[in-house]
Amino acid sequence: MFLHITKARYIEDHKIYFEFNNGEKGIVDFKGVLKGKVFEPHKDINFFKNFILNPPTIEWSNHTDLAPEFILELVKKESEYAL
């Protein structure tokens, strides 16, 4: 089975809630994660929160996206820190 994001909802700041087709779900704080020139616009919260769900992942208006596997890895790391 290929991993897909099935739901993505902006929470606050640089946080997004995700649900995946494998049943996993959780929140990722992207602050400090999105680095490099291509992600400069994402520092602006108004730009960041205006993503679209474009399965299998999310996408912003400048055509940047992240692999769902990478996002799931971040979800799992966030869950470990919460324990």
N, C-alpha and C. Protein backbone atom coordinates (compact mmCIF):
# COMPACT_ATOMS: atom_id res chain seq x y z
N MET A 1 0.84 -1.18 0.00
CA MET A 1 0.00 0.00 0.00
C MET A 1 0.89 1.24 0.00
N PHE A 2 0.55 2.20 -0.84
CA PHE A 2 1.26 3.46 -0.87
C PHE A 2 0.69 4.38 0.20
N LEU A 3 1.56 5.08 0.90
CA LEU A 3 1.15 5.98 1.97
C LEU A 3 0.56 7.26 1.39
N HIS A 4 -0.61 7.64 1.90
CA HIS A 4 -1.29 8.88 1.50
C HIS A 4 -1.76 9.63 2.73
N ILE A 5 -1.71 10.93 2.64
CA ILE A 5 -2.35 11.76 3.66
C ILE A 5 -3.81 11.86 3.26
N THR A 6 -4.70 11.54 4.18
CA THR A 6 -6.14 11.58 3.88
C THR A 6 -6.82 12.81 4.45
N LYS A 7 -6.16 13.42 5.45
CA LYS A 7 -6.72 14.63 6.05
C LYS A 7 -5.57 15.49 6.56
N ALA A 8 -5.68 16.79 6.33
CA ALA A 8 -4.70 17.73 6.85
C ALA A 8 -5.44 18.99 7.26
N ARG A 9 -5.18 19.44 8.49
CA ARG A 9 -5.88 20.62 9.00
C ARG A 9 -4.88 21.52 9.73
N TYR A 10 -4.88 22.78 9.36
CA TYR A 10 -4.02 23.75 10.02
C TYR A 10 -4.47 23.90 11.47
N ILE A 11 -3.51 23.92 12.39
CA ILE A 11 -3.82 24.06 13.81
C ILE A 11 -3.51 25.49 14.27
N GLU A 12 -2.22 25.84 14.30
CA GLU A 12 -1.75 27.17 14.69
C GLU A 12 -0.26 27.25 14.39
N ASP A 13 0.26 28.47 14.39
CA ASP A 13 1.69 28.69 14.12
C ASP A 13 2.11 27.85 12.91
N HIS A 14 3.07 26.95 13.08
CA HIS A 14 3.51 26.08 11.99
C HIS A 14 3.10 24.63 12.23
N LYS A 15 1.95 24.45 12.86
CA LYS A 15 1.46 23.12 13.21
C LYS A 15 0.31 22.70 12.31
N ILE A 16 0.39 21.46 11.85
CA ILE A 16 -0.66 20.86 11.01
C ILE A 16 -0.99 19.48 11.57
N TYR A 17 -2.28 19.18 11.63
CA TYR A 17 -2.77 17.86 12.03
C TYR A 17 -2.93 17.01 10.78
N PHE A 18 -2.46 15.76 10.84
CA PHE A 18 -2.51 14.85 9.69
C PHE A 18 -3.19 13.53 10.05
N GLU A 19 -3.88 12.96 9.08
CA GLU A 19 -4.35 11.58 9.14
C GLU A 19 -3.86 10.89 7.86
N PHE A 20 -3.48 9.63 8.01
CA PHE A 20 -2.92 8.85 6.91
C PHE A 20 -3.79 7.63 6.62
N ASN A 21 -3.65 7.10 5.42
CA ASN A 21 -4.45 5.94 5.01
C ASN A 21 -4.05 4.65 5.72
N ASN A 22 -3.00 4.68 6.53
CA ASN A 22 -2.61 3.50 7.30
C ASN A 22 -3.12 3.58 8.75
N GLY A 23 -3.93 4.61 9.04
CA GLY A 23 -4.50 4.76 10.36
C GLY A 23 -3.71 5.66 11.31
N GLU A 24 -2.50 6.00 10.94
CA GLU A 24 -1.68 6.89 11.78
C GLU A 24 -2.26 8.30 11.73
N LYS A 25 -2.07 9.06 12.82
CA LYS A 25 -2.50 10.45 12.85
C LYS A 25 -1.70 11.19 13.90
N GLY A 26 -1.61 12.49 13.72
CA GLY A 26 -0.88 13.29 14.69
C GLY A 26 -0.58 14.68 14.16
N ILE A 27 0.08 15.46 15.00
CA ILE A 27 0.40 16.85 14.69
C ILE A 27 1.89 17.00 14.47
N VAL A 28 2.24 17.81 13.48
CA VAL A 28 3.64 18.14 13.21
C VAL A 28 3.82 19.64 13.35
N ASP A 29 4.86 20.03 14.07
CA ASP A 29 5.27 21.43 14.14
C ASP A 29 6.43 21.59 13.17
N PHE A 30 6.18 22.29 12.07
CA PHE A 30 7.17 22.45 11.02
C PHE A 30 8.16 23.58 11.28
N LYS A 31 7.99 24.31 12.36
CA LYS A 31 8.91 25.40 12.66
C LYS A 31 10.32 24.84 12.81
N GLY A 32 11.23 25.34 12.03
CA GLY A 32 12.61 24.86 12.05
C GLY A 32 12.86 23.64 11.18
N VAL A 33 11.81 23.05 10.64
CA VAL A 33 11.96 21.85 9.79
C VAL A 33 12.13 22.24 8.32
N LEU A 34 11.34 23.20 7.88
CA LEU A 34 11.36 23.60 6.47
C LEU A 34 12.49 24.59 6.24
N LYS A 35 13.59 24.09 5.70
CA LYS A 35 14.79 24.91 5.52
C LYS A 35 15.14 25.03 4.04
N GLY A 36 15.87 26.07 3.73
CA GLY A 36 16.32 26.28 2.37
C GLY A 36 15.51 27.36 1.68
N LYS A 37 16.05 27.85 0.60
CA LYS A 37 15.45 28.98 -0.12
C LYS A 37 14.03 28.69 -0.60
N VAL A 38 13.77 27.48 -1.04
CA VAL A 38 12.45 27.14 -1.56
C VAL A 38 11.37 27.25 -0.47
N PHE A 39 11.77 27.08 0.79
CA PHE A 39 10.80 27.14 1.89
C PHE A 39 10.76 28.50 2.59
N GLU A 40 11.46 29.50 2.09
CA GLU A 40 11.42 30.84 2.68
C GLU A 40 10.00 31.38 2.81
N PRO A 41 9.15 31.25 1.77
CA PRO A 41 7.78 31.79 1.88
C PRO A 41 6.98 31.15 3.02
N HIS A 42 7.34 29.94 3.43
CA HIS A 42 6.60 29.21 4.46
C HIS A 42 6.78 29.81 5.85
N LYS A 43 7.75 30.69 6.01
CA LYS A 43 7.95 31.37 7.30
C LYS A 43 6.77 32.29 7.60
N ASP A 44 6.13 32.79 6.55
CA ASP A 44 4.94 33.63 6.70
C ASP A 44 3.75 32.71 7.00
N ILE A 45 3.16 32.89 8.16
CA ILE A 45 2.05 32.02 8.60
C ILE A 45 0.90 32.04 7.60
N ASN A 46 0.58 33.19 7.03
CA ASN A 46 -0.52 33.26 6.07
C ASN A 46 -0.24 32.40 4.84
N PHE A 47 1.00 32.37 4.40
CA PHE A 47 1.37 31.49 3.29
C PHE A 47 1.33 30.03 3.74
N PHE A 48 1.95 29.75 4.87
CA PHE A 48 2.06 28.39 5.37
C PHE A 48 0.71 27.71 5.53
N LYS A 49 -0.24 28.42 6.12
CA LYS A 49 -1.52 27.78 6.43
C LYS A 49 -2.43 27.60 5.21
N ASN A 50 -2.04 28.12 4.08
CA ASN A 50 -2.85 28.00 2.87
C ASN A 50 -2.35 26.90 1.94
N PHE A 51 -2.20 25.72 2.49
CA PHE A 51 -1.83 24.54 1.71
C PHE A 51 -3.11 23.86 1.23
N ILE A 52 -2.96 22.96 0.29
CA ILE A 52 -4.09 22.13 -0.15
C ILE A 52 -3.70 20.66 0.00
N LEU A 53 -4.70 19.84 0.22
CA LEU A 53 -4.49 18.40 0.23
C LEU A 53 -4.50 17.96 -1.22
N ASN A 54 -3.37 17.47 -1.68
CA ASN A 54 -3.22 17.01 -3.06
C ASN A 54 -2.60 15.62 -2.97
N PRO A 55 -3.47 14.62 -2.69
CA PRO A 55 -2.97 13.27 -2.43
C PRO A 55 -1.92 12.84 -3.45
N PRO A 56 -0.86 12.31 -2.88
CA PRO A 56 -0.74 11.70 -1.57
C PRO A 56 -0.25 12.64 -0.46
N THR A 57 -0.10 13.92 -0.71
CA THR A 57 0.50 14.82 0.28
C THR A 57 -0.21 16.16 0.30
N ILE A 58 0.44 17.16 0.93
CA ILE A 58 -0.07 18.53 0.89
C ILE A 58 0.84 19.35 -0.01
N GLU A 59 0.30 20.44 -0.53
CA GLU A 59 1.06 21.26 -1.46
C GLU A 59 0.72 22.72 -1.23
N TRP A 60 1.73 23.58 -1.41
CA TRP A 60 1.53 25.02 -1.31
C TRP A 60 1.50 25.63 -2.70
N SER A 61 1.10 26.90 -2.77
CA SER A 61 0.91 27.57 -4.06
C SER A 61 2.20 27.73 -4.86
N ASN A 62 3.36 27.63 -4.21
CA ASN A 62 4.62 27.69 -4.96
C ASN A 62 5.08 26.30 -5.39
N HIS A 63 4.17 25.34 -5.33
CA HIS A 63 4.36 23.94 -5.76
C HIS A 63 5.35 23.16 -4.89
N THR A 64 5.60 23.64 -3.68
CA THR A 64 6.41 22.85 -2.76
C THR A 64 5.52 21.82 -2.06
N ASP A 65 6.09 20.69 -1.81
CA ASP A 65 5.39 19.63 -1.08
C ASP A 65 6.42 18.79 -0.34
N LEU A 66 5.93 17.89 0.46
CA LEU A 66 6.79 16.99 1.23
C LEU A 66 6.27 15.57 1.07
N ALA A 67 7.17 14.63 1.04
CA ALA A 67 6.77 13.22 0.92
C ALA A 67 5.94 12.83 2.14
N PRO A 68 4.86 12.10 1.93
CA PRO A 68 4.04 11.67 3.06
C PRO A 68 4.84 10.82 4.05
N GLU A 69 5.82 10.07 3.56
CA GLU A 69 6.65 9.25 4.45
C GLU A 69 7.46 10.14 5.41
N PHE A 70 7.96 11.27 4.89
CA PHE A 70 8.71 12.21 5.71
C PHE A 70 7.79 12.83 6.77
N ILE A 71 6.58 13.20 6.36
CA ILE A 71 5.63 13.80 7.30
C ILE A 71 5.26 12.78 8.38
N LEU A 72 5.03 11.53 8.00
CA LEU A 72 4.71 10.49 8.99
C LEU A 72 5.86 10.29 9.96
N GLU A 73 7.08 10.35 9.48
CA GLU A 73 8.25 10.24 10.36
C GLU A 73 8.23 11.37 11.39
N LEU A 74 7.88 12.58 10.96
CA LEU A 74 7.78 13.71 11.88
C LEU A 74 6.65 13.52 12.88
N VAL A 75 5.52 12.97 12.43
CA VAL A 75 4.40 12.68 13.34
C VAL A 75 4.87 11.74 14.44
N LYS A 76 5.60 10.71 14.06
CA LYS A 76 6.07 9.72 15.03
C LYS A 76 7.07 10.34 16.01
N LYS A 77 7.94 11.22 15.52
CA LYS A 77 8.89 11.89 16.41
C LYS A 77 8.15 12.79 17.40
N GLU A 78 7.15 13.51 16.92
CA GLU A 78 6.36 14.38 17.82
C GLU A 78 5.68 13.54 18.90
N SER A 79 5.18 12.36 18.51
CA SER A 79 4.51 11.47 19.48
C SER A 79 5.48 10.97 20.53
N GLU A 80 6.71 10.68 20.13
CA GLU A 80 7.72 10.23 21.08
C GLU A 80 8.03 11.30 22.10
N TYR A 81 8.12 12.56 21.65
CA TYR A 81 8.41 13.66 22.57
C TYR A 81 7.26 13.91 23.53
N ALA A 82 6.05 13.58 23.12
CA ALA A 82 4.87 13.82 23.96
C ALA A 82 4.78 12.81 25.11
N LEU A 83 5.46 11.68 24.97
CA LEU A 83 5.39 10.63 26.02
C LEU A 83 6.15 10.97 27.26
